[in-house]
Protein backbone atom coordinates (compact mmCIF):
# COMPACT_ATOMS: atom_id res chain seq x y z
CA UNK A 1 43.29 -3.13 27.22
CA UNK A 2 39.85 -4.66 27.91
CA UNK A 3 38.31 -4.87 31.36
CA UNK A 4 35.16 -6.76 32.30
CA UNK A 5 32.70 -5.03 34.64
CA UNK A 6 30.71 -7.56 36.66
CA UNK A 7 28.31 -5.00 38.10
CA UNK A 8 24.65 -4.79 37.06
CA UNK A 9 24.86 -3.27 33.62
CA UNK A 10 22.57 -3.63 30.60
CA UNK A 11 23.02 -2.91 26.88
CA UNK A 12 19.30 -2.03 26.71
CA UNK A 13 19.13 0.89 29.13
CA UNK A 14 16.75 2.80 26.87
CA UNK A 15 14.11 0.18 27.62
CA UNK A 16 13.66 1.76 31.04
CA UNK A 17 12.53 5.02 29.38
CA UNK A 18 9.95 3.09 27.34
CA UNK A 19 8.75 1.15 30.39
CA UNK A 20 8.22 4.35 32.39
CA UNK A 21 5.96 5.66 29.64
CA UNK A 22 4.02 2.42 29.47
CA UNK A 23 3.47 2.33 33.23
CA UNK A 24 2.45 5.98 33.18
CA UNK A 25 -0.25 5.15 30.62
CA UNK A 26 -1.34 2.15 32.76
CA UNK A 27 -1.09 -0.14 29.75
CA UNK A 28 -0.50 -3.38 31.73
CA UNK A 29 -3.81 -2.98 33.56
CA UNK A 30 -5.55 -2.06 30.30
CA UNK A 31 -4.30 -5.26 28.63
CA UNK A 32 -5.51 -7.30 31.61
CA UNK A 33 -8.92 -5.61 31.45
CA UNK A 34 -9.50 -6.35 27.77
CA UNK A 35 -8.01 -9.87 27.67
CA UNK A 36 -9.23 -10.96 31.10
CA UNK A 37 -7.54 -12.76 33.96
CA UNK A 38 -5.97 -16.18 33.78
CA UNK A 39 -6.67 -18.87 36.37
CA UNK A 40 -6.42 -17.86 40.03
CA UNK A 41 -3.17 -19.75 40.58
CA UNK A 42 -1.47 -18.45 37.41
CA UNK A 43 1.78 -16.67 38.16
CA UNK A 44 1.80 -14.55 35.01
CA UNK A 45 -0.87 -12.42 33.33
CA UNK A 46 -1.63 -11.68 29.69
CA UNK A 47 -0.11 -8.23 30.19
CA UNK A 48 3.16 -9.98 31.10
CA UNK A 49 2.88 -11.92 27.85
CA UNK A 50 2.28 -8.76 25.81
CA UNK A 51 5.05 -6.71 27.40
CA UNK A 52 7.62 -9.50 27.17
CA UNK A 53 6.85 -10.06 23.49
CA UNK A 54 7.00 -6.31 22.82
CA UNK A 55 10.19 -5.62 24.75
CA UNK A 56 11.99 -8.64 23.33
CA UNK A 57 11.11 -7.38 19.85
CA UNK A 58 12.22 -3.83 20.69
CA UNK A 59 15.58 -5.27 21.79
CA UNK A 60 16.00 -7.05 18.45
CA UNK A 61 14.69 -10.48 19.44
CA UNK A 62 13.01 -12.76 16.92
CA UNK A 63 11.82 -15.75 18.94
CA UNK A 64 10.30 -16.52 22.34
CA UNK A 65 13.63 -18.07 23.36
CA UNK A 66 15.29 -14.66 23.01
CA UNK A 67 13.62 -13.53 26.22
CA UNK A 68 16.36 -15.51 28.02
CA UNK A 69 19.02 -13.12 26.71
CA UNK A 70 17.21 -9.95 27.83
CA UNK A 71 15.86 -11.30 31.13
CA UNK A 72 18.60 -9.53 33.13
CA UNK A 73 17.34 -6.20 31.78
CA UNK A 74 13.68 -7.05 32.35
CA UNK A 75 14.15 -7.96 36.02
CA UNK A 76 15.10 -4.37 36.83
CA UNK A 77 11.90 -2.95 35.27
CA UNK A 78 9.23 -1.94 37.76
CA UNK A 79 6.33 -4.37 38.16
CA UNK A 80 7.74 -6.56 35.39
CA UNK A 81 7.56 -10.34 35.46
CA UNK A 82 9.42 -12.44 32.90
CA UNK A 83 8.02 -15.91 32.13
CA UNK A 84 10.08 -18.67 30.59
CA UNK A 85 9.88 -19.14 26.79
CA UNK A 86 7.67 -22.20 27.30
CA UNK A 87 5.24 -20.20 29.44
CA UNK A 88 5.11 -17.42 26.84
CA UNK A 89 4.13 -19.96 24.20
CA UNK A 90 1.63 -21.69 26.48
CA UNK A 91 -0.16 -18.41 27.22
CA UNK A 92 -0.52 -17.74 23.51
CA UNK A 93 -2.06 -21.17 23.00
CA UNK A 94 -4.67 -20.29 25.66
CA UNK A 95 -5.85 -17.38 23.51
CA UNK A 96 -6.37 -19.46 20.36
CA UNK A 97 -9.80 -20.26 18.96
CA UNK A 98 -11.07 -23.12 16.78
CA UNK A 99 -10.94 -22.71 13.01
CA UNK A 100 -13.83 -23.09 10.58
CA UNK A 101 -13.48 -25.40 7.61
CA UNK A 102 -15.70 -24.64 4.63
CA UNK A 103 -15.73 -26.70 1.44
CA UNK A 104 -15.98 -24.63 -1.74
CA UNK A 105 -17.78 -25.53 -4.95
CA UNK A 106 -14.46 -26.83 -6.28
CA UNK A 107 -14.18 -29.17 -3.25
CA UNK A 108 -11.34 -27.11 -1.74
CA UNK A 109 -11.25 -27.18 2.06
CA UNK A 110 -10.92 -23.55 3.15
CA UNK A 111 -9.63 -23.33 6.71
CA UNK A 112 -10.31 -19.92 8.29
CA UNK A 113 -9.45 -18.82 11.83
CA UNK A 114 -11.39 -15.91 13.35
CA UNK A 115 -10.22 -14.63 16.74
CA UNK A 116 -12.79 -12.00 17.70
CA UNK A 117 -11.43 -11.48 21.22
CA UNK A 118 -7.92 -10.58 20.11
CA UNK A 119 -9.10 -8.51 17.15
CA UNK A 120 -11.32 -6.51 19.47
CA UNK A 121 -8.40 -6.09 21.89
CA UNK A 122 -6.16 -4.86 19.06
CA UNK A 123 -8.66 -2.20 18.02
CA UNK A 124 -9.30 -1.14 21.62
CA UNK A 125 -5.56 -0.74 22.17
CA UNK A 126 -5.25 1.49 19.10
CA UNK A 127 -8.08 3.68 20.39
CA UNK A 128 -6.75 3.73 23.96
CA UNK A 129 -3.30 4.88 22.80
CA UNK A 130 -4.78 7.48 20.46
CA UNK A 131 -3.22 6.17 17.25
CA UNK A 132 -6.83 5.97 16.01
CA UNK A 133 -9.51 8.51 16.88
CA UNK A 134 -13.27 7.93 17.02
CA UNK A 135 -13.87 11.59 16.19
CA UNK A 136 -12.16 11.37 12.81
CA UNK A 137 -14.65 10.87 9.99
CA UNK A 138 -12.49 10.55 6.87
CA UNK A 139 -10.69 7.29 7.58
CA UNK A 140 -9.88 5.00 4.67
CA UNK A 141 -9.96 1.25 5.24
CA UNK A 142 -7.40 -0.78 3.30
CA UNK A 143 -7.93 -4.52 2.98
CA UNK A 144 -5.70 -7.12 1.40
CA UNK A 145 -4.41 -10.68 1.77
CA UNK A 146 -0.73 -11.42 2.25
CA UNK A 147 0.82 -14.80 1.59
CA UNK A 148 3.30 -15.77 4.30
CA UNK A 149 5.49 -18.66 3.22
CA UNK A 150 6.06 -21.18 6.01
CA UNK A 151 6.65 -24.90 6.44
CA UNK A 152 4.36 -25.30 9.44
CA UNK A 153 2.66 -28.66 9.93
CA UNK A 154 -0.77 -27.65 8.63
CA UNK A 155 0.34 -25.10 6.00
CA UNK A 156 -1.01 -25.70 2.48
CA UNK A 157 0.33 -24.89 -0.96
CA UNK A 158 -0.82 -21.50 -2.21
CA UNK A 159 -0.85 -19.62 -5.49
CA UNK A 160 2.88 -18.89 -5.15
CA UNK A 161 3.57 -22.64 -5.35
CA UNK A 162 4.81 -22.64 -1.79
CA UNK A 163 3.33 -23.77 1.49
CA UNK A 164 2.11 -21.07 3.83
CA UNK A 165 -0.73 -19.06 5.33
CA UNK A 166 -2.81 -16.40 3.62
CA UNK A 167 -4.12 -13.94 6.26
CA UNK A 168 -6.54 -11.16 5.40
CA UNK A 169 -5.56 -7.86 7.00
CA UNK A 170 -7.53 -4.64 7.36
CA UNK A 171 -5.73 -1.44 8.25
CA UNK A 172 -6.45 2.25 8.77
CA UNK A 173 -3.61 4.78 8.39
CA UNK A 174 -1.19 1.82 8.27
CA UNK A 175 -2.47 0.66 11.68
CA UNK A 176 -3.74 -2.97 11.67
CA UNK A 177 -7.33 -3.17 12.89
CA UNK A 178 -8.40 -6.69 11.91
CA UNK A 179 -6.57 -9.93 11.07
CA UNK A 180 -8.20 -13.14 9.92
CA UNK A 181 -5.89 -16.05 9.19
CA UNK A 182 -6.45 -18.50 6.34
CA UNK A 183 -4.59 -21.49 5.05
CA UNK A 184 -2.42 -21.08 1.97
CA UNK A 185 -4.80 -22.87 -0.39
CA UNK A 186 -7.72 -20.50 0.27
CA UNK A 187 -8.93 -18.34 -2.60
CA UNK A 188 -8.84 -14.62 -1.82
CA UNK A 189 -12.44 -14.29 -2.98
CA UNK A 190 -13.83 -17.15 -0.93
CA UNK A 191 -16.02 -15.89 1.94
CA UNK A 192 -14.70 -12.37 1.54
CA UNK A 193 -18.09 -10.70 1.92
CA UNK A 194 -18.43 -12.30 5.37
CA UNK A 195 -14.96 -11.04 6.28
CA UNK A 196 -15.74 -7.48 5.16
CA UNK A 197 -18.99 -7.55 7.13
CA UNK A 198 -17.15 -8.72 10.27
CA UNK A 199 -14.61 -5.92 9.86
CA UNK A 200 -17.21 -3.19 9.55
CA UNK A 201 -19.31 -4.64 12.36
CA UNK A 202 -16.35 -4.60 14.74
CA UNK A 203 -15.33 -1.08 13.70
CA UNK A 204 -18.88 0.20 14.13
CA UNK A 205 -19.12 -1.37 17.59
CA UNK A 206 -16.00 0.56 18.59
CA UNK A 207 -17.29 3.84 17.16
CA UNK A 208 -15.20 3.98 13.97
CA UNK A 209 -16.93 4.50 10.61
CA UNK A 210 -14.53 4.57 7.63
CA UNK A 211 -15.69 6.83 4.83
CA UNK A 212 -13.52 5.17 2.19
CA UNK A 213 -12.30 1.69 1.32
CA UNK A 214 -9.45 0.59 -0.99
CA UNK A 215 -8.93 -2.99 -2.11
CA UNK A 216 -7.11 -4.86 -4.85
CA UNK A 217 -8.67 -7.04 -7.54
CA UNK A 218 -9.14 -9.89 -5.03
CA UNK A 219 -12.11 -7.86 -3.75
CA UNK A 220 -13.61 -7.31 -7.19
CA UNK A 221 -16.77 -9.13 -6.15
CA UNK A 222 -20.35 -8.04 -6.86
CA UNK A 223 -21.51 -8.73 -3.31
CA UNK A 224 -18.61 -6.77 -1.77
CA UNK A 225 -19.25 -3.73 -3.99
CA UNK A 226 -22.97 -3.90 -3.19
CA UNK A 227 -22.34 -4.12 0.56
CA UNK A 228 -19.91 -1.19 0.62
CA UNK A 229 -22.25 0.91 -1.50
CA UNK A 230 -25.20 0.16 0.79
CA UNK A 231 -23.04 1.11 3.81
CA UNK A 232 -22.40 4.52 2.21
CA UNK A 233 -18.70 3.76 1.98
CA UNK A 234 -16.92 5.26 -1.02
CA UNK A 235 -14.88 2.38 -2.41
CA UNK A 236 -12.02 2.07 -4.88
CA UNK A 237 -11.33 -1.48 -6.05
CA UNK A 238 -9.03 -2.65 -8.80
CA UNK A 239 -11.31 -4.23 -11.41
CA UNK A 240 -10.18 -7.41 -13.11
CA UNK A 241 -9.35 -6.92 -16.74
CA UNK A 242 -12.05 -8.49 -18.90
CA UNK A 243 -13.09 -8.43 -22.54
CA UNK A 244 -16.19 -6.47 -21.54
CA UNK A 245 -14.21 -3.68 -19.88
CA UNK A 246 -11.61 -3.64 -22.65
CA UNK A 247 -14.35 -3.41 -25.26
CA UNK A 248 -16.01 -0.50 -23.43
CA UNK A 249 -12.67 1.25 -23.09
CA UNK A 250 -11.99 0.82 -26.81
CA UNK A 251 -15.29 2.53 -27.61
CA UNK A 252 -14.55 5.50 -25.35
CA UNK A 253 -13.91 8.70 -27.31
CA UNK A 254 -13.08 10.99 -24.38
CA UNK A 255 -9.59 10.01 -23.35
CA UNK A 256 -7.69 12.71 -21.50
CA UNK A 257 -3.95 13.00 -21.00
CA UNK A 258 -2.71 13.14 -17.40
CA UNK A 259 0.66 13.19 -15.68
CA UNK A 260 1.27 11.17 -12.52
CA UNK A 261 4.78 11.57 -11.26
CA UNK A 262 7.08 11.21 -14.26
CA UNK A 263 4.66 9.02 -16.21
CA UNK A 264 2.07 9.99 -18.81
CA UNK A 265 -1.28 8.23 -19.16
CA UNK A 266 -4.58 8.53 -20.94
CA UNK A 267 -7.71 8.14 -18.85
CA UNK A 268 -11.49 8.05 -19.16
CA UNK A 269 -14.57 7.00 -17.18
CA UNK A 270 -17.06 4.38 -18.31
CA UNK A 271 -20.27 3.01 -16.81
CA UNK A 272 -20.26 -0.63 -15.83
CA UNK A 273 -23.16 -2.75 -14.61
CA UNK A 274 -21.86 -4.92 -11.79
CA UNK A 275 -24.43 -6.90 -9.84
CA UNK A 276 -27.41 -4.85 -8.70
CA UNK A 277 -25.82 -1.48 -9.45
CA UNK A 278 -24.13 0.43 -12.23
CA UNK A 279 -20.81 1.83 -11.05
CA UNK A 280 -18.18 4.10 -12.50
CA UNK A 281 -15.01 2.49 -13.83
CA UNK A 282 -11.97 4.69 -14.26
CA UNK A 283 -9.75 3.32 -17.02
CA UNK A 284 -6.23 4.39 -17.81
CA UNK A 285 -3.77 3.23 -20.40
CA UNK A 286 -0.20 3.67 -21.56
CA UNK A 287 1.87 2.18 -24.42
CA UNK A 288 3.23 -1.29 -23.75
CA UNK A 289 6.92 -2.01 -24.26
CA UNK A 290 6.47 -4.79 -26.80
CA UNK A 291 4.20 -2.87 -29.21
CA UNK A 292 1.99 -5.97 -29.31
CA UNK A 293 -1.57 -5.12 -30.41
CA UNK A 294 -4.48 -6.16 -28.20
CA UNK A 295 -7.11 -8.06 -30.21
CA UNK A 296 -9.99 -6.45 -28.28
CA UNK A 297 -8.87 -2.81 -28.18
CA UNK A 298 -6.88 -2.98 -31.44
CA UNK A 299 -4.07 -0.90 -29.94
CA UNK A 300 -0.70 -1.52 -28.28
CA UNK A 301 -1.55 -0.25 -24.80
CA UNK A 302 -1.64 -1.58 -21.26
CA UNK A 303 -4.96 -1.06 -19.48
CA UNK A 304 -5.91 -0.83 -15.82
CA UNK A 305 -9.38 -0.33 -14.33
CA UNK A 306 -10.65 0.91 -10.97
CA UNK A 307 -14.31 0.44 -10.05
CA UNK A 308 -15.80 3.01 -7.70
CA UNK A 309 -19.03 4.61 -6.54
CA UNK A 310 -17.29 7.99 -6.38
CA UNK A 311 -18.91 10.32 -8.90
CA UNK A 312 -17.25 13.51 -7.67
CA UNK A 313 -13.48 13.14 -8.04
CA UNK A 314 -11.80 13.46 -11.43
CA UNK A 315 -10.00 10.50 -12.95
CA UNK A 316 -6.51 11.60 -11.93
CA UNK A 317 -7.52 12.05 -8.29
CA UNK A 318 -9.10 8.59 -8.18
CA UNK A 319 -6.04 6.93 -9.73
CA UNK A 320 -3.70 8.70 -7.31
CA UNK A 321 -5.89 7.88 -4.32
CA UNK A 322 -6.03 4.21 -5.26
CA UNK A 323 -2.29 4.08 -5.93
CA UNK A 324 -1.69 5.22 -2.36
CA UNK A 325 -2.52 1.63 -1.44
CA UNK A 326 1.20 1.13 -1.97
CA UNK A 327 1.80 2.91 1.34
CA UNK A 328 -0.74 0.65 3.03
CA UNK A 329 0.94 -2.48 1.63
CA UNK A 330 4.13 -1.33 3.35
CA UNK A 331 2.42 -2.56 6.53
CA UNK A 332 3.02 -6.16 5.43
CA UNK A 333 6.74 -5.53 5.03
CA UNK A 334 6.88 -3.99 8.52
CA UNK A 335 4.94 -6.83 10.12
CA UNK A 336 6.91 -9.57 8.40
CA UNK A 337 10.37 -8.10 9.01
CA UNK A 338 10.16 -5.75 12.02
CA UNK A 339 7.53 -7.66 13.97
CA UNK A 340 8.48 -11.21 12.98
CA UNK A 341 5.42 -12.43 11.09
CA UNK A 342 7.71 -14.57 8.96
CA UNK A 343 9.00 -16.33 12.10
CA UNK A 344 5.81 -17.78 13.52
CA UNK A 345 6.49 -20.04 16.52
CA UNK A 346 3.73 -22.67 16.35
CA UNK A 347 2.89 -25.67 14.18
CA UNK A 348 -0.80 -24.89 13.75
CA UNK A 349 -2.75 -22.07 12.14
CA UNK A 350 -4.98 -21.33 15.16
CA UNK A 351 -2.06 -20.62 17.47
CA UNK A 352 -0.13 -18.69 14.84
CA UNK A 353 -3.18 -16.45 14.41
CA UNK A 354 -2.73 -15.43 18.05
CA UNK A 355 0.92 -14.63 17.38
CA UNK A 356 0.11 -12.55 14.28
CA UNK A 357 -2.41 -10.43 16.19
CA UNK A 358 -0.20 -10.01 19.27
CA UNK A 359 2.69 -8.84 17.10
CA UNK A 360 0.33 -6.42 15.34
CA UNK A 361 -0.53 -5.08 18.80
CA UNK A 362 3.22 -4.69 19.43
CA UNK A 363 3.34 -2.62 16.24
CA UNK A 364 0.54 -0.40 17.54
CA UNK A 365 2.41 0.05 20.83
CA UNK A 366 5.54 0.96 18.88
CA UNK A 367 3.68 3.56 16.81
CA UNK A 368 2.47 5.20 20.01
CA UNK A 369 5.92 5.18 21.62
CA UNK A 370 7.84 6.55 18.64
CA UNK A 371 5.10 9.13 18.10
CA UNK A 372 5.92 10.51 21.56
CA UNK A 373 9.70 10.17 21.50
CA UNK A 374 10.06 11.63 18.00
CA UNK A 375 8.62 14.93 19.25
CA UNK A 376 11.49 15.47 21.67
CA UNK A 377 14.47 13.53 20.25
CA UNK A 378 15.84 14.96 17.00
CA UNK A 379 17.51 11.63 16.17
CA UNK A 380 14.11 9.92 15.92
CA UNK A 381 11.35 10.43 13.37
CA UNK A 382 7.80 9.10 13.54
CA UNK A 383 8.32 7.16 10.28
CA UNK A 384 11.48 5.37 11.44
CA UNK A 385 11.47 1.58 11.29
CA UNK A 386 12.05 -0.49 14.40
CA UNK A 387 15.73 -1.14 13.66
CA UNK A 388 16.61 2.56 13.87
CA UNK A 389 14.56 2.91 17.05
CA UNK A 390 16.40 -0.03 18.61
CA UNK A 391 19.86 1.25 17.68
CA UNK A 392 19.22 4.88 18.59
CA UNK A 393 17.16 4.61 21.78
CA UNK A 394 16.88 1.08 23.17
CA UNK A 395 20.57 0.15 22.84
CA UNK A 396 21.92 2.65 25.36
CA UNK A 397 24.27 1.19 27.94
CA UNK A 398 22.86 1.47 31.45
CA UNK A 399 23.98 0.69 34.97
CA UNK A 400 21.64 -0.24 37.82
CA UNK A 401 22.44 1.65 41.02
CA UNK A 402 20.69 1.22 44.35
CA UNK A 403 20.92 4.22 46.62
CA UNK A 404 18.88 5.42 49.60
CA UNK A 405 16.50 2.49 49.25
CA UNK A 406 15.61 3.14 45.63
CA UNK A 407 16.79 1.95 42.23
CA UNK A 408 18.39 4.38 39.77
CA UNK A 409 19.28 3.63 36.16
CA UNK A 410 22.39 5.45 34.99
CA UNK A 411 22.46 5.80 31.20
CA UNK A 412 25.72 6.30 29.32
CA UNK A 413 24.93 8.67 26.45
CA UNK A 414 25.98 12.09 25.23
CA UNK A 415 22.31 13.01 24.62
CA UNK A 416 19.99 14.45 27.27
CA UNK A 417 17.50 11.75 26.36
CA UNK A 418 15.86 11.17 29.79
CA UNK A 419 15.35 14.91 30.33
CA UNK A 420 13.92 15.41 26.84
CA UNK A 421 11.53 12.49 27.15
CA UNK A 422 10.43 13.40 30.66
CA UNK A 423 9.53 16.90 29.46
CA UNK A 424 7.71 15.68 26.33
CA UNK A 425 3.93 15.59 26.15
């Protein structure tokens, strides 16, 4: 038999535990301080925008319209205001900035959107929540571009033969720290030195100085290597395969065998003049599957090269350190699938840039929350994706009870979750 209870119940009772933590950290006021106030007669603040986007995502929502389905839960949260979907979208448009259009030598119009205010807010939030620490001196900055396929009005065809955007994203410890949106037809190399300079300038202004930088072959640019070297940043960049590097590798007589995981490689270091400096290039090779002989090296091997100004580490350590970029690239999968980057709400790049950064800030908030809850709840781990967090903590049935002039949330669970979380640090 099935009975319907018409009392005030919610399937997202765990959201109250999250909200208590957020209020305790005074995050709403912090968001208002860094993003500023809206007009005097505005009913909702930017902190309302941020919390509604975050909570809707934590509940499994994908779109602004989903706030309608969780509004009944939100109205019982202390000091929480829930705008309509249209108002949520309108507030994001207010935060957008004009794009810059630069014509390349090949007459390609490169449209780039730089939102300094929101990027600064994102980094300040990460520092405020402690997911990044100014005192740490061995941070590694990872930078890459990620093509996001979309059929938005102003999206252009990219190298994947699809329309979309091509944002450049910098991260530290898998935490996004800078996002610069580009149209799909932009070359990864175009204007990249300016982007790298903006990233380091913003980090320096906030007291963060990365000691290392890892980038793929899209950053194999003389000016980028020179800038990082002059900033005393130890960099590791995948070098593009060229006849010059292959020829130098073929002449090398000091190949050493190494084991990385279950694979065997041969590796050596060669000197390579690149722009104003001569850098070290770590080469490694392994037999190809077709046994086809390379005309330059006269052998049947695959070759990869990493350019670096690190003269201390051995070849194996450099290869392993660079390969750890794979963990950093996992950030794109999380942002696109957990935090809805592939479901951008607007028709234009400028406004979608705002959405990308706000959802990255939601990711930062999530990392802080699960970092706390995972220390006291054995069913949560700090590395868990959002879906597990939603199923295991957010989706707890709750009942709103008013007694003695105050509101009490009764959670229906066999776990002592509220007690554990209340006693956690």
